[in-house]
Amino acid sequence: MARPPTLWSWHHIMTHLRSSKLLQVCQNIKADGVQIYAIAFEVTDPTVISVLTQSASGPPYFYNAQTIADMTGAFSKIGAELTQPRLMR
């Protein structure tokens, strides 16, 4: 009789599924021309950082904040970018 999956394996499987769904949703949103910003705060897990990096619209849209000051700086930069006037057709 096969052993049921451990809690770790279920956690790993569910994390992978959620990450895949998140990346697909972000890809669809970016395909519609929406820019996505992502901020990691005190994240050390390389898998989470990878998912957030891929979710963002590109390297300039991803911030890896390790301190409150880093996060404040990220929000300040994002706010400044969002309030810049843009020419539209």
N, C-alpha and C. Protein backbone atom coordinates (compact mmCIF):
# COMPACT_ATOMS: atom_id res chain seq x y z
N MET A 1 0.85 -1.17 0.00
CA MET A 1 0.00 0.00 0.00
C MET A 1 0.90 1.24 0.00
N ALA A 2 0.61 2.16 -0.89
CA ALA A 2 1.42 3.38 -1.00
C ALA A 2 1.13 4.31 0.17
N ARG A 3 2.20 4.98 0.60
CA ARG A 3 2.03 5.97 1.68
C ARG A 3 1.38 7.23 1.13
N PRO A 4 0.49 7.84 1.89
CA PRO A 4 -0.08 9.11 1.43
C PRO A 4 1.01 10.18 1.43
N PRO A 5 0.88 11.20 0.57
CA PRO A 5 1.88 12.27 0.53
C PRO A 5 2.02 12.94 1.90
N THR A 6 3.21 13.36 2.20
CA THR A 6 3.45 14.06 3.46
C THR A 6 2.91 15.48 3.35
N LEU A 7 2.83 16.14 4.49
CA LEU A 7 2.39 17.53 4.52
C LEU A 7 3.30 18.38 3.65
N TRP A 8 4.62 18.12 3.72
CA TRP A 8 5.55 18.91 2.92
C TRP A 8 5.25 18.78 1.44
N SER A 9 5.01 17.55 0.98
CA SER A 9 4.78 17.38 -0.45
C SER A 9 3.47 18.05 -0.88
N TRP A 10 2.44 17.98 -0.04
CA TRP A 10 1.19 18.67 -0.37
C TRP A 10 1.43 20.17 -0.41
N HIS A 11 2.19 20.67 0.56
CA HIS A 11 2.50 22.11 0.58
C HIS A 11 3.26 22.49 -0.69
N HIS A 12 4.24 21.69 -1.06
CA HIS A 12 5.04 21.96 -2.25
C HIS A 12 4.18 21.95 -3.51
N ILE A 13 3.30 20.96 -3.62
CA ILE A 13 2.42 20.86 -4.79
C ILE A 13 1.49 22.07 -4.85
N MET A 14 0.87 22.42 -3.73
CA MET A 14 -0.06 23.55 -3.72
C MET A 14 0.65 24.87 -4.01
N THR A 15 1.86 25.02 -3.48
CA THR A 15 2.64 26.24 -3.75
C THR A 15 2.94 26.34 -5.24
N HIS A 16 3.32 25.24 -5.85
CA HIS A 16 3.61 25.24 -7.28
C HIS A 16 2.36 25.59 -8.09
N LEU A 17 1.23 25.00 -7.73
CA LEU A 17 -0.02 25.29 -8.46
C LEU A 17 -0.41 26.75 -8.33
N ARG A 18 -0.31 27.30 -7.11
CA ARG A 18 -0.64 28.71 -6.91
C ARG A 18 0.31 29.60 -7.70
N SER A 19 1.60 29.27 -7.70
CA SER A 19 2.58 30.06 -8.44
C SER A 19 2.28 30.02 -9.92
N SER A 20 1.95 28.84 -10.44
CA SER A 20 1.64 28.71 -11.86
C SER A 20 0.41 29.53 -12.23
N LYS A 21 -0.61 29.47 -11.38
CA LYS A 21 -1.83 30.25 -11.64
C LYS A 21 -1.54 31.75 -11.58
N LEU A 22 -0.75 32.18 -10.59
CA LEU A 22 -0.40 33.59 -10.46
C LEU A 22 0.34 34.06 -11.71
N LEU A 23 1.32 33.28 -12.15
CA LEU A 23 2.10 33.66 -13.32
C LEU A 23 1.22 33.74 -14.57
N GLN A 24 0.26 32.82 -14.70
CA GLN A 24 -0.64 32.85 -15.86
C GLN A 24 -1.55 34.07 -15.82
N VAL A 25 -2.08 34.38 -14.65
CA VAL A 25 -2.93 35.58 -14.51
C VAL A 25 -2.13 36.83 -14.84
N CYS A 26 -0.91 36.92 -14.31
CA CYS A 26 -0.07 38.10 -14.59
C CYS A 26 0.27 38.20 -16.07
N GLN A 27 0.55 37.07 -16.70
CA GLN A 27 0.86 37.06 -18.14
C GLN A 27 -0.34 37.59 -18.93
N ASN A 28 -1.53 37.16 -18.57
CA ASN A 28 -2.74 37.62 -19.25
C ASN A 28 -2.95 39.12 -19.05
N ILE A 29 -2.72 39.59 -17.84
CA ILE A 29 -2.89 41.02 -17.55
C ILE A 29 -1.86 41.83 -18.32
N LYS A 30 -0.61 41.38 -18.33
CA LYS A 30 0.44 42.10 -19.07
C LYS A 30 0.15 42.10 -20.56
N ALA A 31 -0.45 41.03 -21.08
CA ALA A 31 -0.80 40.95 -22.50
C ALA A 31 -1.82 42.01 -22.87
N ASP A 32 -2.61 42.46 -21.90
CA ASP A 32 -3.58 43.53 -22.12
C ASP A 32 -2.97 44.91 -21.97
N GLY A 33 -1.65 44.98 -21.78
CA GLY A 33 -0.96 46.26 -21.69
C GLY A 33 -0.89 46.87 -20.31
N VAL A 34 -1.24 46.11 -19.28
CA VAL A 34 -1.20 46.61 -17.91
C VAL A 34 0.19 46.35 -17.34
N GLN A 35 0.75 47.36 -16.67
CA GLN A 35 2.05 47.18 -16.03
C GLN A 35 1.83 46.68 -14.60
N ILE A 36 2.58 45.65 -14.23
CA ILE A 36 2.45 45.06 -12.90
C ILE A 36 3.73 45.33 -12.12
N TYR A 37 3.57 45.91 -10.94
CA TYR A 37 4.67 46.12 -10.01
C TYR A 37 4.59 45.02 -8.95
N ALA A 38 5.74 44.56 -8.50
CA ALA A 38 5.78 43.55 -7.43
C ALA A 38 6.84 43.96 -6.41
N ILE A 39 6.48 43.84 -5.14
CA ILE A 39 7.43 44.15 -4.06
C ILE A 39 7.51 42.93 -3.14
N ALA A 40 8.73 42.44 -2.96
CA ALA A 40 8.98 41.39 -1.98
C ALA A 40 9.48 42.08 -0.73
N PHE A 41 8.91 41.73 0.42
CA PHE A 41 9.35 42.34 1.67
C PHE A 41 9.88 41.26 2.60
N GLU A 42 11.15 41.38 2.95
CA GLU A 42 11.83 40.42 3.82
C GLU A 42 11.70 38.99 3.31
N VAL A 43 11.73 38.83 2.01
CA VAL A 43 11.63 37.50 1.41
C VAL A 43 13.03 36.96 1.15
N THR A 44 13.27 35.74 1.61
CA THR A 44 14.57 35.11 1.37
C THR A 44 14.44 33.87 0.50
N ASP A 45 13.24 33.39 0.30
CA ASP A 45 13.01 32.19 -0.50
C ASP A 45 13.21 32.51 -1.99
N PRO A 46 14.20 31.91 -2.64
CA PRO A 46 14.47 32.22 -4.04
C PRO A 46 13.30 31.88 -4.97
N THR A 47 12.50 30.88 -4.60
CA THR A 47 11.34 30.53 -5.43
C THR A 47 10.31 31.66 -5.41
N VAL A 48 10.05 32.20 -4.25
CA VAL A 48 9.09 33.31 -4.13
C VAL A 48 9.62 34.53 -4.88
N ILE A 49 10.89 34.82 -4.73
CA ILE A 49 11.48 35.97 -5.44
C ILE A 49 11.37 35.76 -6.94
N SER A 50 11.62 34.55 -7.40
CA SER A 50 11.51 34.24 -8.83
C SER A 50 10.09 34.46 -9.34
N VAL A 51 9.11 33.97 -8.60
CA VAL A 51 7.70 34.13 -9.00
C VAL A 51 7.33 35.61 -9.06
N LEU A 52 7.73 36.37 -8.05
CA LEU A 52 7.41 37.80 -8.04
C LEU A 52 8.13 38.54 -9.17
N THR A 53 9.38 38.17 -9.43
CA THR A 53 10.12 38.79 -10.52
C THR A 53 9.44 38.52 -11.85
N GLN A 54 9.02 37.28 -12.06
CA GLN A 54 8.33 36.92 -13.30
C GLN A 54 6.95 37.55 -13.40
N SER A 55 6.32 37.79 -12.26
CA SER A 55 4.99 38.40 -12.25
C SER A 55 5.04 39.87 -12.65
N ALA A 56 6.11 40.53 -12.29
CA ALA A 56 6.25 41.96 -12.61
C ALA A 56 6.43 42.15 -14.11
N SER A 57 6.22 43.35 -14.56
CA SER A 57 6.31 43.67 -15.99
C SER A 57 7.74 43.76 -16.50
N GLY A 58 8.69 43.51 -15.68
CA GLY A 58 10.10 43.53 -16.06
C GLY A 58 10.93 43.89 -14.86
N PRO A 59 12.26 43.81 -14.98
CA PRO A 59 13.13 44.11 -13.83
C PRO A 59 12.88 45.47 -13.17
N PRO A 60 12.59 46.54 -13.93
CA PRO A 60 12.35 47.82 -13.25
C PRO A 60 11.06 47.85 -12.41
N TYR A 61 10.22 46.85 -12.59
CA TYR A 61 8.93 46.82 -11.89
C TYR A 61 8.95 45.90 -10.67
N PHE A 62 10.10 45.29 -10.39
CA PHE A 62 10.22 44.41 -9.23
C PHE A 62 11.16 45.05 -8.21
N TYR A 63 10.74 45.05 -6.96
CA TYR A 63 11.53 45.60 -5.86
C TYR A 63 11.71 44.53 -4.80
N ASN A 64 12.94 44.32 -4.37
CA ASN A 64 13.24 43.35 -3.32
C ASN A 64 13.60 44.14 -2.06
N ALA A 65 12.60 44.45 -1.27
CA ALA A 65 12.77 45.28 -0.07
C ALA A 65 13.11 44.41 1.13
N GLN A 66 14.22 44.70 1.77
CA GLN A 66 14.62 43.95 2.96
C GLN A 66 14.34 44.72 4.25
N THR A 67 14.10 46.02 4.12
CA THR A 67 13.83 46.86 5.29
C THR A 67 12.61 47.73 5.01
N ILE A 68 12.10 48.34 6.07
CA ILE A 68 10.99 49.29 5.92
C ILE A 68 11.42 50.44 5.01
N ALA A 69 12.66 50.90 5.16
CA ALA A 69 13.16 51.99 4.32
C ALA A 69 13.18 51.57 2.85
N ASP A 70 13.57 50.33 2.57
CA ASP A 70 13.55 49.82 1.19
C ASP A 70 12.12 49.82 0.64
N MET A 71 11.18 49.38 1.47
CA MET A 71 9.80 49.32 1.01
C MET A 71 9.24 50.72 0.78
N THR A 72 9.54 51.63 1.69
CA THR A 72 9.10 53.01 1.53
C THR A 72 9.67 53.60 0.24
N GLY A 73 10.95 53.32 -0.01
CA GLY A 73 11.58 53.79 -1.24
C GLY A 73 10.93 53.21 -2.48
N ALA A 74 10.58 51.93 -2.43
CA ALA A 74 9.92 51.28 -3.57
C ALA A 74 8.57 51.94 -3.84
N PHE A 75 7.77 52.16 -2.79
CA PHE A 75 6.47 52.79 -2.99
C PHE A 75 6.63 54.23 -3.48
N SER A 76 7.65 54.93 -3.02
CA SER A 76 7.90 56.29 -3.49
C SER A 76 8.22 56.30 -4.97
N LYS A 77 9.08 55.37 -5.41
CA LYS A 77 9.44 55.28 -6.83
C LYS A 77 8.23 54.93 -7.69
N ILE A 78 7.46 53.97 -7.21
CA ILE A 78 6.26 53.57 -7.96
C ILE A 78 5.28 54.73 -8.05
N GLY A 79 5.07 55.42 -6.93
CA GLY A 79 4.17 56.57 -6.92
C GLY A 79 4.64 57.66 -7.88
N ALA A 80 5.95 57.93 -7.90
CA ALA A 80 6.49 58.94 -8.80
C ALA A 80 6.27 58.54 -10.26
N GLU A 81 6.46 57.27 -10.57
CA GLU A 81 6.26 56.79 -11.94
C GLU A 81 4.79 56.88 -12.35
N LEU A 82 3.91 56.56 -11.43
CA LEU A 82 2.48 56.56 -11.77
C LEU A 82 1.91 57.96 -11.91
N THR A 83 2.56 58.95 -11.32
CA THR A 83 2.02 60.32 -11.40
C THR A 83 2.68 61.14 -12.50
N GLN A 84 3.63 60.55 -13.25
CA GLN A 84 4.23 61.27 -14.37
C GLN A 84 3.21 61.42 -15.49
N PRO A 85 3.15 62.62 -16.09
CA PRO A 85 2.23 62.80 -17.22
C PRO A 85 2.68 61.92 -18.41
N ARG A 86 1.69 61.39 -19.12
CA ARG A 86 1.98 60.57 -20.28
C ARG A 86 1.15 61.06 -21.46
N LEU A 87 1.76 60.97 -22.63
CA LEU A 87 1.02 61.29 -23.85
C LEU A 87 0.33 60.02 -24.33
N MET A 88 -0.92 60.15 -24.66
CA MET A 88 -1.69 58.98 -25.14
C MET A 88 -2.24 59.29 -26.52
N ARG A 89 -2.42 58.28 -27.29
CA ARG A 89 -3.04 58.44 -28.62
C ARG A 89 -4.53 58.35 -28.51
